[in-house]
């Protein structure tokens, strides 16, 4: 399955092409491409969340160890 093509128009004000948000392809191709993009974004967000959780867990373990040292 090929990647969808997006329609663009020339913007003479800034010399760039602007995405019109129009998706060109069969309805099924557009559906699956959108689904793929949403799933990739979801996985990326989940991965970033796990990395943040791991860092917080490591920080919590470090702080607990520091507090335990105070009472020894």
PDB file of N, CA and C in Angstrom:
ATOM      1  N   UNK A   1       0.855  -1.175   0.000  1.00  0.00           N
ATOM      2  CA  UNK A   1       0.000   0.000   0.000  1.00  0.00           C
ATOM      3  C   UNK A   1       0.900   1.237   0.000  1.00  0.00           C
ATOM      4  N   UNK A   2       0.633   2.136  -0.888  1.00  0.00           N
ATOM      5  CA  UNK A   2       1.449   3.341  -0.985  1.00  0.00           C
ATOM      6  C   UNK A   2       0.979   4.378   0.027  1.00  0.00           C
ATOM      7  N   UNK A   3       1.898   5.270   0.351  1.00  0.00           N
ATOM      8  CA  UNK A   3       1.533   6.367   1.243  1.00  0.00           C
ATOM      9  C   UNK A   3       0.575   7.304   0.521  1.00  0.00           C
ATOM     10  N   UNK A   4      -0.311   7.918   1.261  1.00  0.00           N
ATOM     11  CA  UNK A   4      -1.258   8.849   0.652  1.00  0.00           C
ATOM     12  C   UNK A   4      -0.534  10.099   0.179  1.00  0.00           C
ATOM     13  N   UNK A   5      -1.112  10.737  -0.778  1.00  0.00           N
ATOM     14  CA  UNK A   5      -0.564  11.996  -1.275  1.00  0.00           C
ATOM     15  C   UNK A   5      -1.437  13.128  -0.744  1.00  0.00           C
ATOM     16  N   UNK A   6      -0.823  14.176  -0.294  1.00  0.00           N
ATOM     17  CA  UNK A   6      -1.574  15.313   0.220  1.00  0.00           C
ATOM     18  C   UNK A   6      -1.589  16.427  -0.817  1.00  0.00           C
ATOM     19  N   UNK A   7      -2.716  17.075  -0.944  1.00  0.00           N
ATOM     20  CA  UNK A   7      -2.836  18.188  -1.881  1.00  0.00           C
ATOM     21  C   UNK A   7      -2.196  19.430  -1.268  1.00  0.00           C
ATOM     22  N   UNK A   8      -1.473  20.158  -2.081  1.00  0.00           N
ATOM     23  CA  UNK A   8      -0.800  21.371  -1.627  1.00  0.00           C
ATOM     24  C   UNK A   8      -1.117  22.513  -2.574  1.00  0.00           C
ATOM     25  N   UNK A   9      -1.023  23.708  -2.071  1.00  0.00           N
ATOM     26  CA  UNK A   9      -1.144  24.881  -2.935  1.00  0.00           C
ATOM     27  C   UNK A   9       0.033  25.796  -2.646  1.00  0.00           C
ATOM     28  N   UNK A  10       0.430  26.538  -3.646  1.00  0.00           N
ATOM     29  CA  UNK A  10       1.549  27.463  -3.515  1.00  0.00           C
ATOM     30  C   UNK A  10       1.103  28.704  -2.766  1.00  0.00           C
ATOM     31  N   UNK A  11       1.883  29.098  -1.778  1.00  0.00           N
ATOM     32  CA  UNK A  11       1.612  30.318  -1.026  1.00  0.00           C
ATOM     33  C   UNK A  11       2.671  31.345  -1.419  1.00  0.00           C
ATOM     34  N   UNK A  12       2.302  32.321  -2.249  1.00  0.00           N
ATOM     35  CA  UNK A  12       3.295  33.296  -2.703  1.00  0.00           C
ATOM     36  C   UNK A  12       3.784  34.227  -1.595  1.00  0.00           C
ATOM     37  N   UNK A  13       3.038  34.345  -0.494  1.00  0.00           N
ATOM     38  CA  UNK A  13       3.435  35.246   0.591  1.00  0.00           C
ATOM     39  C   UNK A  13       4.738  34.804   1.244  1.00  0.00           C
ATOM     40  N   UNK A  14       4.853  33.502   1.496  1.00  0.00           N
ATOM     41  CA  UNK A  14       6.070  33.026   2.149  1.00  0.00           C
ATOM     42  C   UNK A  14       6.867  32.059   1.283  1.00  0.00           C
ATOM     43  N   UNK A  15       6.444  31.859   0.047  1.00  0.00           N
ATOM     44  CA  UNK A  15       7.204  31.031  -0.887  1.00  0.00           C
ATOM     45  C   UNK A  15       7.218  29.559  -0.556  1.00  0.00           C
ATOM     46  N   UNK A  16       6.139  29.064   0.053  1.00  0.00           N
ATOM     47  CA  UNK A  16       6.078  27.643   0.397  1.00  0.00           C
ATOM     48  C   UNK A  16       4.777  27.046  -0.113  1.00  0.00           C
ATOM     49  N   UNK A  17       4.728  25.723  -0.043  1.00  0.00           N
ATOM     50  CA  UNK A  17       3.489  25.023  -0.355  1.00  0.00           C
ATOM     51  C   UNK A  17       2.744  24.788   0.951  1.00  0.00           C
ATOM     52  N   UNK A  18       1.441  24.942   0.938  1.00  0.00           N
ATOM     53  CA  UNK A  18       0.624  24.719   2.131  1.00  0.00           C
ATOM     54  C   UNK A  18      -0.182  23.449   1.956  1.00  0.00           C
ATOM     55  N   UNK A  19      -0.267  22.681   3.031  1.00  0.00           N
ATOM     56  CA  UNK A  19      -1.090  21.476   3.036  1.00  0.00           C
ATOM     57  C   UNK A  19      -2.552  21.906   3.081  1.00  0.00           C
ATOM     58  N   UNK A  20      -3.324  21.469   2.109  1.00  0.00           N
ATOM     59  CA  UNK A  20      -4.749  21.808   2.093  1.00  0.00           C
ATOM     60  C   UNK A  20      -5.565  20.864   2.970  1.00  0.00           C
ATOM     61  N   UNK A  21      -4.924  19.808   3.473  1.00  0.00           N
ATOM     62  CA  UNK A  21      -5.639  18.838   4.287  1.00  0.00           C
ATOM     63  C   UNK A  21      -6.486  17.892   3.465  1.00  0.00           C
ATOM     64  N   UNK A  22      -6.334  17.928   2.153  1.00  0.00           N
ATOM     65  CA  UNK A  22      -7.095  17.034   1.287  1.00  0.00           C
ATOM     66  C   UNK A  22      -6.293  15.765   1.074  1.00  0.00           C
ATOM     67  N   UNK A  23      -6.926  14.648   1.255  1.00  0.00           N
ATOM     68  CA  UNK A  23      -6.257  13.375   1.090  1.00  0.00           C
ATOM     69  C   UNK A  23      -6.635  12.787  -0.254  1.00  0.00           C
ATOM     70  N   UNK A  24      -5.629  12.411  -1.028  1.00  0.00           N
ATOM     71  CA  UNK A  24      -5.862  11.872  -2.351  1.00  0.00           C
ATOM     72  C   UNK A  24      -5.549  10.385  -2.312  1.00  0.00           C
ATOM     73  N   UNK A  25      -6.486   9.564  -2.705  1.00  0.00           N
ATOM     74  CA  UNK A  25      -6.319   8.117  -2.723  1.00  0.00           C
ATOM     75  C   UNK A  25      -7.682   7.479  -2.597  1.00  0.00           C
ATOM     76  N   UNK A  26      -7.697   6.153  -2.614  1.00  0.00           N
ATOM     77  CA  UNK A  26      -8.969   5.466  -2.453  1.00  0.00           C
ATOM     78  C   UNK A  26      -9.436   5.648  -1.016  1.00  0.00           C
ATOM     79  N   UNK A  27     -10.741   5.581  -0.766  1.00  0.00           N
ATOM     80  CA  UNK A  27     -11.225   5.723   0.616  1.00  0.00           C
ATOM     81  C   UNK A  27     -10.581   4.709   1.562  1.00  0.00           C
ATOM     82  N   UNK A  28     -10.383   3.486   1.078  1.00  0.00           N
ATOM     83  CA  UNK A  28      -9.781   2.471   1.940  1.00  0.00           C
ATOM     84  C   UNK A  28      -8.321   2.805   2.239  1.00  0.00           C
ATOM     85  N   UNK A  29      -7.599   3.275   1.227  1.00  0.00           N
ATOM     86  CA  UNK A  29      -6.198   3.651   1.432  1.00  0.00           C
ATOM     87  C   UNK A  29      -6.091   4.800   2.427  1.00  0.00           C
ATOM     88  N   UNK A  30      -6.956   5.789   2.293  1.00  0.00           N
ATOM     89  CA  UNK A  30      -6.951   6.923   3.217  1.00  0.00           C
ATOM     90  C   UNK A  30      -7.290   6.448   4.630  1.00  0.00           C
ATOM     91  N   UNK A  31      -8.283   5.552   4.752  1.00  0.00           N
ATOM     92  CA  UNK A  31      -8.672   5.021   6.062  1.00  0.00           C
ATOM     93  C   UNK A  31      -7.492   4.336   6.741  1.00  0.00           C
ATOM     94  N   UNK A  32      -6.832   3.427   6.023  1.00  0.00           N
ATOM     95  CA  UNK A  32      -5.738   2.665   6.620  1.00  0.00           C
ATOM     96  C   UNK A  32      -4.521   3.540   6.893  1.00  0.00           C
ATOM     97  N   UNK A  33      -4.285   4.521   6.053  1.00  0.00           N
ATOM     98  CA  UNK A  33      -3.169   5.439   6.294  1.00  0.00           C
ATOM     99  C   UNK A  33      -3.432   6.271   7.544  1.00  0.00           C
ATOM    100  N   UNK A  34      -4.661   6.752   7.704  1.00  0.00           N
ATOM    101  CA  UNK A  34      -5.020   7.495   8.918  1.00  0.00           C
ATOM    102  C   UNK A  34      -4.911   6.606  10.153  1.00  0.00           C
ATOM    103  N   UNK A  35      -5.391   5.370  10.044  1.00  0.00           N
ATOM    104  CA  UNK A  35      -5.312   4.436  11.171  1.00  0.00           C
ATOM    105  C   UNK A  35      -3.857   4.190  11.548  1.00  0.00           C
ATOM    106  N   UNK A  36      -3.005   3.998  10.548  1.00  0.00           N
ATOM    107  CA  UNK A  36      -1.578   3.767  10.792  1.00  0.00           C
ATOM    108  C   UNK A  36      -0.958   4.958  11.507  1.00  0.00           C
ATOM    109  N   UNK A  37      -1.250   6.155  11.033  1.00  0.00           N
ATOM    110  CA  UNK A  37      -0.690   7.368  11.635  1.00  0.00           C
ATOM    111  C   UNK A  37      -1.153   7.508  13.086  1.00  0.00           C
ATOM    112  N   UNK A  38      -2.429   7.267  13.340  1.00  0.00           N
ATOM    113  CA  UNK A  38      -2.951   7.383  14.708  1.00  0.00           C
ATOM    114  C   UNK A  38      -2.308   6.356  15.633  1.00  0.00           C
ATOM    115  N   UNK A  39      -2.125   5.131  15.144  1.00  0.00           N
ATOM    116  CA  UNK A  39      -1.502   4.093  15.965  1.00  0.00           C
ATOM    117  C   UNK A  39      -0.036   4.410  16.238  1.00  0.00           C
ATOM    118  N   UNK A  40       0.673   4.902  15.237  1.00  0.00           N
ATOM    119  CA  UNK A  40       2.069   5.287  15.448  1.00  0.00           C
ATOM    120  C   UNK A  40       2.170   6.396  16.489  1.00  0.00           C
ATOM    121  N   UNK A  41       1.277   7.376  16.416  1.00  0.00           N
ATOM    122  CA  UNK A  41       1.277   8.457  17.404  1.00  0.00           C
ATOM    123  C   UNK A  41       0.952   7.931  18.795  1.00  0.00           C
ATOM    124  N   UNK A  42       0.005   7.003  18.875  1.00  0.00           N
ATOM    125  CA  UNK A  42      -0.374   6.419  20.158  1.00  0.00           C
ATOM    126  C   UNK A  42       0.799   5.663  20.775  1.00  0.00           C
ATOM    127  N   UNK A  43       1.499   4.887  19.962  1.00  0.00           N
ATOM    128  CA  UNK A  43       2.657   4.135  20.451  1.00  0.00           C
ATOM    129  C   UNK A  43       3.747   5.090  20.916  1.00  0.00           C
ATOM    130  N   UNK A  44       3.977   6.156  20.164  1.00  0.00           N
ATOM    131  CA  UNK A  44       4.989   7.138  20.538  1.00  0.00           C
ATOM    132  C   UNK A  44       4.639   7.788  21.874  1.00  0.00           C
ATOM    133  N   UNK A  45       3.384   8.186  22.052  1.00  0.00           N
ATOM    134  CA  UNK A  45       2.963   8.813  23.305  1.00  0.00           C
ATOM    135  C   UNK A  45       3.104   7.834  24.470  1.00  0.00           C
ATOM    136  N   UNK A  46       2.735   6.570  24.248  1.00  0.00           N
ATOM    137  CA  UNK A  46       2.837   5.558  25.301  1.00  0.00           C
ATOM    138  C   UNK A  46       4.299   5.334  25.676  1.00  0.00           C
ATOM    139  N   UNK A  47       5.165   5.265  24.662  1.00  0.00           N
ATOM    140  CA  UNK A  47       6.588   5.065  24.910  1.00  0.00           C
ATOM    141  C   UNK A  47       7.160   6.221  25.719  1.00  0.00           C
ATOM    142  N   UNK A  48       6.807   7.445  25.337  1.00  0.00           N
ATOM    143  CA  UNK A  48       7.286   8.613  26.077  1.00  0.00           C
ATOM    144  C   UNK A  48       6.767   8.606  27.508  1.00  0.00           C
ATOM    145  N   UNK A  49       5.538   8.154  27.703  1.00  0.00           N
ATOM    146  CA  UNK A  49       4.963   8.064  29.042  1.00  0.00           C
ATOM    147  C   UNK A  49       5.726   7.045  29.886  1.00  0.00           C
ATOM    148  N   UNK A  50       6.061   5.903  29.284  1.00  0.00           N
ATOM    149  CA  UNK A  50       6.817   4.881  30.013  1.00  0.00           C
ATOM    150  C   UNK A  50       8.204   5.384  30.400  1.00  0.00           C
ATOM    151  N   UNK A  51       8.844   6.118  29.509  1.00  0.00           N
ATOM    152  CA  UNK A  51      10.165   6.671  29.817  1.00  0.00           C
ATOM    153  C   UNK A  51      10.058   7.635  30.994  1.00  0.00           C
ATOM    154  N   UNK A  52       9.037   8.484  30.981  1.00  0.00           N
ATOM    155  CA  UNK A  52       8.825   9.413  32.090  1.00  0.00           C
ATOM    156  C   UNK A  52       8.541   8.685  33.389  1.00  0.00           C
ATOM    157  N   UNK A  53       7.725   7.639  33.324  1.00  0.00           N
ATOM    158  CA  UNK A  53       7.416   6.853  34.522  1.00  0.00           C
ATOM    159  C   UNK A  53       8.670   6.188  35.074  1.00  0.00           C
ATOM    160  N   UNK A  54       9.521   5.682  34.189  1.00  0.00           N
ATOM    161  CA  UNK A  54      10.750   5.021  34.627  1.00  0.00           C
ATOM    162  C   UNK A  54      11.666   6.020  35.324  1.00  0.00           C
ATOM    163  N   UNK A  55      11.780   7.217  34.772  1.00  0.00           N
ATOM    164  CA  UNK A  55      12.614   8.240  35.402  1.00  0.00           C
ATOM    165  C   UNK A  55      12.073   8.628  36.774  1.00  0.00           C
ATOM    166  N   UNK A  56      10.756   8.757  36.886  1.00  0.00           N
ATOM    167  CA  UNK A  56      10.154   9.088  38.181  1.00  0.00           C
ATOM    168  C   UNK A  56      10.366   7.965  39.190  1.00  0.00           C
ATOM    169  N   UNK A  57      10.271   6.724  38.742  1.00  0.00           N
ATOM    170  CA  UNK A  57      10.504   5.584  39.624  1.00  0.00           C
ATOM    171  C   UNK A  57      11.942   5.585  40.132  1.00  0.00           C
ATOM    172  N   UNK A  58      12.886   5.847  39.239  1.00  0.00           N
ATOM    173  CA  UNK A  58      14.292   5.909  39.649  1.00  0.00           C
ATOM    174  C   UNK A  58      14.518   7.038  40.649  1.00  0.00           C
ATOM    175  N   UNK A  59      13.883   8.185  40.416  1.00  0.00           N
ATOM    176  CA  UNK A  59      14.007   9.309  41.341  1.00  0.00           C
ATOM    177  C   UNK A  59      13.410   8.953  42.699  1.00  0.00           C
ATOM    178  N   UNK A  60      12.252   8.300  42.697  1.00  0.00           N
ATOM    179  CA  UNK A  60      11.615   7.901  43.958  1.00  0.00           C
ATOM    180  C   UNK A  60      12.509   6.936  44.731  1.00  0.00           C
ATOM    181  N   UNK A  61      13.099   5.973  44.035  1.00  0.00           N
ATOM    182  CA  UNK A  61      13.985   5.020  44.710  1.00  0.00           C
ATOM    183  C   UNK A  61      15.202   5.728  45.298  1.00  0.00           C
ATOM    184  N   UNK A  62      15.738   6.694  44.571  1.00  0.00           N
ATOM    185  CA  UNK A  62      16.892   7.457  45.055  1.00  0.00           C
ATOM    186  C   UNK A  62      16.517   8.254  46.298  1.00  0.00           C
ATOM    187  N   UNK A  63      15.365   8.906  46.272  1.00  0.00           N
ATOM    188  CA  UNK A  63      14.930   9.717  47.426  1.00  0.00           C
ATOM    189  C   UNK A  63      14.636   8.838  48.637  1.00  0.00           C
ATOM    190  N   UNK A  64      14.055   7.672  48.415  1.00  0.00           N
ATOM    191  CA  UNK A  64      13.786   6.749  49.528  1.00  0.00           C
ATOM    192  C   UNK A  64      15.097   6.322  50.168  1.00  0.00           C
ATOM    193  N   UNK A  65      16.087   6.009  49.332  1.00  0.00           N
ATOM    194  CA  UNK A  65      17.395   5.605  49.859  1.00  0.00           C
ATOM    195  C   UNK A  65      18.031   6.739  50.655  1.00  0.00           C
ATOM    196  N   UNK A  66      17.908   7.973  50.176  1.00  0.00           N
ATOM    197  CA  UNK A  66      18.454   9.127  50.899  1.00  0.00           C
ATOM    198  C   UNK A  66      17.772   9.304  52.248  1.00  0.00           C
ATOM    199  N   UNK A  67      16.465   9.136  52.284  1.00  0.00           N
ATOM    200  CA  UNK A  67      15.727   9.285  53.543  1.00  0.00           C
ATOM    201  C   UNK A  67      16.093   8.175  54.526  1.00  0.00           C
ATOM    202  N   UNK A  68      16.291   6.956  54.022  1.00  0.00           N
ATOM    203  CA  UNK A  68      16.672   5.850  54.911  1.00  0.00           C
ATOM    204  C   UNK A  68      18.038   6.101  55.537  1.00  0.00           C
ATOM    205  N   UNK A  69      18.951   6.722  54.774  1.00  0.00           N
ATOM    206  CA  UNK A  69      20.289   7.013  55.297  1.00  0.00           C
ATOM    207  C   UNK A  69      20.220   7.993  56.464  1.00  0.00           C
ATOM    208  N   UNK A  70      19.239   8.884  56.463  1.00  0.00           N
ATOM    209  CA  UNK A  70      19.103   9.874  57.532  1.00  0.00           C
ATOM    210  C   UNK A  70      18.804   9.216  58.872  1.00  0.00           C
ATOM    211  N   UNK A  71      18.161   8.064  58.853  1.00  0.00           N
ATOM    212  CA  UNK A  71      17.750   7.408  60.095  1.00  0.00           C
ATOM    213  C   UNK A  71      18.718   6.329  60.537  1.00  0.00           C
ATOM    214  N   UNK A  72      19.809   6.136  59.846  1.00  0.00           N
ATOM    215  CA  UNK A  72      20.780   5.100  60.249  1.00  0.00           C
ATOM    216  C   UNK A  72      21.824   5.668  61.157  1.00  0.00           C
TER     217      UNK A  72
END
